[in-house]
Protein backbone atom coordinates (compact mmCIF):
# COMPACT_ATOMS: atom_id res chain seq x y z
CA MET A 1 91.70 110.91 100.02
CA LEU A 2 95.08 108.21 100.26
CA SER A 3 93.84 104.60 101.79
CA SER A 4 96.30 104.16 104.76
CA GLY A 5 95.50 100.34 103.92
CA PRO A 6 97.67 97.81 104.23
CA PRO A 7 101.18 97.79 104.85
CA ILE A 8 103.55 97.45 100.97
CA GLU A 9 105.05 94.07 101.11
CA SER A 10 108.01 92.71 99.40
CA SER A 11 109.07 89.19 98.88
CA ALA A 12 112.21 87.29 97.18
CA THR A 13 114.30 84.67 97.56
CA PHE A 14 117.80 84.66 97.96
CA LYS A 15 121.04 82.13 98.19
CA TYR A 16 122.74 81.77 101.48
CA ASN A 17 125.38 79.32 101.89
CA GLY A 18 124.45 77.04 99.07
CA GLN A 19 120.56 76.90 99.57
CA GLU A 20 117.65 79.27 98.87
CA TYR A 21 115.56 81.08 101.10
CA GLU A 22 112.47 83.19 100.67
CA LEU A 23 112.77 87.12 102.20
CA ASN A 24 109.97 88.88 103.31
CA VAL A 25 109.03 90.75 106.26
CA SER A 26 108.10 87.69 108.12
CA THR A 27 111.61 86.27 107.51
CA LEU A 28 113.46 89.19 108.92
CA ALA A 29 114.28 89.88 112.55
CA ARG A 30 115.25 93.42 113.49
CA LEU A 31 118.58 93.81 115.62
CA SER A 32 119.37 97.23 115.50
CA LEU A 33 118.79 100.89 113.53
CA LEU A 34 122.09 101.19 110.89
CA GLY A 35 120.97 105.04 110.04
CA GLN A 36 118.00 107.30 108.83
CA GLY A 37 117.88 109.58 105.94
CA ALA A 38 115.77 111.97 103.81
CA HIS A 39 114.29 108.78 102.14
CA GLY A 40 114.27 106.15 104.70
CA THR A 41 115.79 104.23 107.45
CA VAL A 42 118.51 101.30 107.30
CA LEU A 43 118.18 98.49 109.66
CA LYS A 44 120.06 95.77 110.87
CA MET A 45 118.40 92.29 110.33
CA GLN A 46 118.79 89.20 110.79
CA HIS A 47 117.01 86.01 108.71
CA THR A 48 115.59 84.06 110.50
CA GLN A 49 115.23 80.25 108.93
CA SER A 50 119.37 81.16 107.78
CA ALA A 51 120.99 83.29 110.05
CA ALA A 52 121.96 85.49 107.77
CA VAL A 53 122.70 89.10 108.60
CA MET A 54 122.10 91.89 106.46
CA ALA A 55 121.21 95.66 105.70
CA VAL A 56 117.63 96.73 104.78
CA LYS A 57 116.67 99.97 103.77
CA VAL A 58 113.23 100.70 104.52
CA LYS A 59 111.68 103.34 102.11
CA LEU A 60 109.08 106.10 103.37
CA LEU A 61 106.83 105.63 100.28
CA ARG A 62 103.74 105.63 101.46
CA LEU A 63 104.15 108.53 103.98
CA MET A 64 105.72 110.23 100.52
CA LEU A 65 102.78 109.55 98.60
CA GLN A 66 100.28 111.01 101.92
CA GLY A 67 102.69 114.20 101.73
CA LEU A 68 102.44 114.92 97.70
CA HIS A 69 98.47 114.15 98.22
CA ARG A 70 98.17 116.74 101.05
CA ASN A 71 100.28 118.81 98.62
CA SER A 72 97.86 118.31 95.60
CA GLU A 73 94.69 119.08 97.40
CA ARG A 74 96.38 122.65 98.86
CA GLY A 75 97.62 124.44 95.10
């Protein structure tokens, strides 16, 4: 069985107005939902340290992997 484990996280750095910032889940605030599709959700988010507003795609990787694992157990 696939472990539910901790959330999958990513981090990066980006430059905004000439300053470099860290970008990860804890530095983003959700503003609104922009759209949903078969492979994820796009959210309008604001970086809390820089006030930069951006679109962030949240992929449904964990759910897709769990579905693939369940299907492989059946067949």
